[in-house]
Amino acid sequence: HYIITLQCSPHHTKTALYPAINHLRRVIGVTGEDRPATQWQKLETFATTSGLHDPLTVTLLGDLLSIPGGDQRAPVMLSPDKRKELILEALLHLLQSRAARCPTLCIVEDVHWIDPTSMDLLTRAIGAIQRMPALLVITARPDFNTTWSESNPMMFLTLSRLSRRQSAELLA
């Protein structure tokens, strides 16, 4: 099995696709200390093994991950809406590709802090996950409202706070 963990953050509620970017940087192994050429090599290797063969898609993912292009990569001229659409399709394809290879658990934590673009991606994933060998677990505070349950089969579990004794047992 494979586990994808996406963590929403109160400090990044206005940073588009922050949870996906953070996850991809970890999975690909891209660090700020790597030279741009090394970062591109890591991204291209990841894209190839993930079934992303379109150079435009790889370039867009490089832009998403803030990998410097240098002189060898021409900037991609697309409207913001088209760019967003292609990136969301690529990210959804990565999930589908991973699930096709092995059962996949995707955990999205603290969705009450999700940015709007990540919410768009999550909504698309909820619609597509029914056709994959995958489980999507979403955590949010009780006051988080969504319309997902209207169109998709979902199970909602409300967890109450742990007692002092339960907290102590968990820590022990």
Protein backbone atom coordinates (compact mmCIF):
# COMPACT_ATOMS: atom_id res chain seq x y z
CA HIS A 1 0.00 0.00 0.00
CA TYR A 2 0.96 3.63 -0.34
CA ILE A 3 0.11 6.55 1.95
CA ILE A 4 -0.31 10.13 0.80
CA THR A 5 -0.49 12.68 3.60
CA LEU A 6 -1.61 16.22 2.84
CA GLN A 7 -1.49 18.64 5.76
CA CYS A 8 -3.41 21.91 5.60
CA SER A 9 -1.99 24.77 7.64
CA PRO A 10 -3.45 27.89 9.27
CA HIS A 11 -0.41 29.78 7.95
CA HIS A 12 -1.10 28.81 4.31
CA THR A 13 -4.86 29.29 3.85
CA LYS A 14 -4.12 31.64 0.96
CA THR A 15 -1.25 29.63 -0.58
CA ALA A 16 -2.66 27.73 -3.56
CA LEU A 17 -2.07 23.97 -3.37
CA TYR A 18 0.20 24.23 -0.32
CA PRO A 19 -0.61 20.68 0.92
CA ALA A 20 0.08 19.15 -2.52
CA ILE A 21 3.28 21.16 -3.02
CA ASN A 22 4.57 20.15 0.41
CA HIS A 23 3.79 16.48 -0.27
CA LEU A 24 5.37 16.50 -3.74
CA ARG A 25 8.56 18.16 -2.50
CA ARG A 26 8.88 15.42 0.17
CA VAL A 27 8.11 12.53 -2.22
CA ILE A 28 10.35 13.80 -5.02
CA GLY A 29 13.12 14.68 -2.58
CA VAL A 30 13.51 18.25 -3.82
CA THR A 31 15.29 20.49 -1.33
CA GLY A 32 16.38 24.11 -1.38
CA GLU A 33 19.99 22.95 -1.17
CA ASP A 34 19.75 21.09 -4.50
CA ARG A 35 20.95 22.86 -7.61
CA PRO A 36 18.14 23.63 -10.12
CA ALA A 37 19.45 20.99 -12.53
CA THR A 38 19.31 18.37 -9.76
CA GLN A 39 15.78 19.45 -8.82
CA TRP A 40 14.68 19.10 -12.46
CA GLN A 41 16.30 15.68 -12.71
CA LYS A 42 14.46 14.51 -9.59
CA LEU A 43 11.17 15.90 -10.92
CA GLU A 44 11.62 14.30 -14.36
CA THR A 45 12.48 10.92 -12.80
CA PHE A 46 9.39 11.14 -10.57
CA ALA A 47 7.18 12.18 -13.50
CA THR A 48 8.40 9.28 -15.66
CA THR A 49 7.84 6.69 -12.94
CA SER A 50 4.40 8.22 -12.25
CA GLY A 51 3.25 8.05 -15.87
CA LEU A 52 3.48 11.78 -16.62
CA HIS A 53 5.15 11.90 -20.02
CA ASP A 54 3.93 15.30 -21.26
CA PRO A 55 6.80 17.84 -21.09
CA LEU A 56 4.31 20.69 -20.57
CA THR A 57 2.89 18.94 -17.49
CA VAL A 58 6.37 18.39 -16.07
CA THR A 59 7.22 22.05 -16.68
CA LEU A 60 4.01 23.14 -14.93
CA LEU A 61 4.83 20.92 -11.96
CA GLY A 62 8.31 22.46 -11.89
CA ASP A 63 6.71 25.91 -11.78
CA LEU A 64 4.36 24.72 -9.03
CA LEU A 65 7.33 23.50 -6.98
CA SER A 66 9.23 26.76 -7.65
CA ILE A 67 12.09 25.00 -9.37
CA PRO A 68 14.16 27.60 -11.23
CA GLY A 69 14.06 27.02 -14.98
CA GLY A 70 17.22 28.79 -15.97
CA ASP A 71 17.99 29.43 -19.63
CA GLN A 72 17.18 25.89 -20.78
CA ARG A 73 13.43 26.11 -19.95
CA ALA A 74 11.24 28.61 -21.75
CA PRO A 75 8.37 30.02 -19.68
CA VAL A 76 4.98 28.50 -20.44
CA MET A 77 2.50 31.06 -21.74
CA LEU A 78 -0.96 30.00 -20.58
CA SER A 79 -3.89 31.83 -19.08
CA PRO A 80 -4.08 31.45 -15.28
CA ASP A 81 -7.29 29.40 -15.62
CA LYS A 82 -5.73 27.02 -18.17
CA ARG A 83 -2.57 26.68 -16.04
CA LYS A 84 -4.66 25.86 -12.96
CA GLU A 85 -6.76 23.33 -14.89
CA LEU A 86 -3.69 21.51 -16.26
CA ILE A 87 -2.01 21.40 -12.84
CA LEU A 88 -5.14 20.03 -11.16
CA GLU A 89 -5.46 17.39 -13.89
CA ALA A 90 -1.81 16.41 -13.40
CA LEU A 91 -2.19 16.11 -9.63
CA LEU A 92 -5.32 14.01 -10.00
CA HIS A 93 -3.50 11.84 -12.56
CA LEU A 94 -0.71 11.30 -10.01
CA LEU A 95 -3.26 10.03 -7.49
CA GLN A 96 -4.90 7.76 -10.06
CA SER A 97 -1.54 6.45 -11.26
CA ARG A 98 -0.41 5.66 -7.71
CA ALA A 99 -3.72 3.92 -6.88
CA ALA A 100 -3.49 1.85 -10.08
CA ARG A 101 -0.14 0.44 -8.90
CA CYS A 102 -1.15 -0.37 -5.32
CA PRO A 103 -3.93 0.33 -2.81
CA THR A 104 -3.59 3.92 -1.66
CA LEU A 105 -4.60 5.74 1.50
CA CYS A 106 -4.87 9.49 1.07
CA ILE A 107 -5.14 11.47 4.30
CA VAL A 108 -6.01 15.17 4.16
CA GLU A 109 -5.66 16.71 7.59
CA ASP A 110 -7.18 19.91 8.98
CA VAL A 111 -9.33 20.68 5.95
CA HIS A 112 -10.87 23.60 7.84
CA TRP A 113 -7.64 25.44 6.88
CA ILE A 114 -7.63 24.41 3.21
CA ASP A 115 -6.97 26.98 0.48
CA PRO A 116 -9.57 27.36 -2.32
CA THR A 117 -7.46 25.72 -5.04
CA SER A 118 -6.70 22.71 -2.84
CA MET A 119 -10.43 22.51 -2.07
CA ASP A 120 -11.07 22.33 -5.82
CA LEU A 121 -8.52 19.51 -6.12
CA LEU A 122 -10.01 17.67 -3.13
CA THR A 123 -13.53 17.96 -4.55
CA ARG A 124 -12.31 16.46 -7.84
CA ALA A 125 -10.49 13.68 -5.98
CA ILE A 126 -13.65 12.82 -4.03
CA GLY A 127 -15.52 12.42 -7.31
CA ALA A 128 -12.78 10.28 -8.87
CA ILE A 129 -11.76 8.13 -5.92
CA GLN A 130 -14.83 5.91 -6.21
CA ARG A 131 -13.23 4.36 -9.31
CA MET A 132 -9.86 3.70 -7.62
CA PRO A 133 -8.52 1.16 -5.14
CA ALA A 134 -8.08 4.01 -2.68
CA LEU A 135 -9.43 5.35 0.58
CA LEU A 136 -9.67 9.07 1.27
CA VAL A 137 -9.70 10.18 4.91
CA ILE A 138 -10.39 13.83 5.63
CA THR A 139 -10.11 15.43 9.05
CA ALA A 140 -11.72 18.74 9.99
CA ARG A 141 -13.15 20.55 12.95
CA PRO A 142 -16.85 20.03 13.61
CA ASP A 143 -17.79 23.51 12.38
CA PHE A 144 -16.39 22.82 8.88
CA ASN A 145 -19.25 22.72 6.35
CA THR A 146 -19.23 21.10 2.95
CA THR A 147 -21.67 19.88 0.31
CA TRP A 148 -19.68 16.75 -0.54
CA SER A 149 -22.13 14.31 1.02
CA GLU A 150 -24.91 15.44 -1.30
CA SER A 151 -23.33 13.93 -4.40
CA ASN A 152 -20.86 11.32 -3.11
CA PRO A 153 -21.19 8.35 -0.79
CA MET A 154 -19.33 9.31 2.37
CA MET A 155 -19.22 8.32 5.98
CA PHE A 156 -18.91 11.02 8.61
CA LEU A 157 -17.51 10.19 12.04
CA THR A 158 -17.61 12.72 14.83
CA LEU A 159 -14.96 12.12 17.44
CA SER A 160 -15.35 13.64 20.87
CA ARG A 161 -12.51 14.87 23.00
CA LEU A 162 -10.47 12.39 25.00
CA SER A 163 -10.90 12.43 28.76
CA ARG A 164 -7.92 13.28 30.97
CA ARG A 165 -7.50 9.57 31.72
CA GLN A 166 -7.62 8.62 28.03
CA SER A 167 -5.10 11.35 27.21
CA ALA A 168 -2.75 10.08 29.91
CA GLU A 169 -3.11 6.50 28.64
CA LEU A 170 -2.36 7.64 25.10
CA LEU A 171 0.76 9.46 26.25
CA ALA A 172 1.88 6.47 28.29
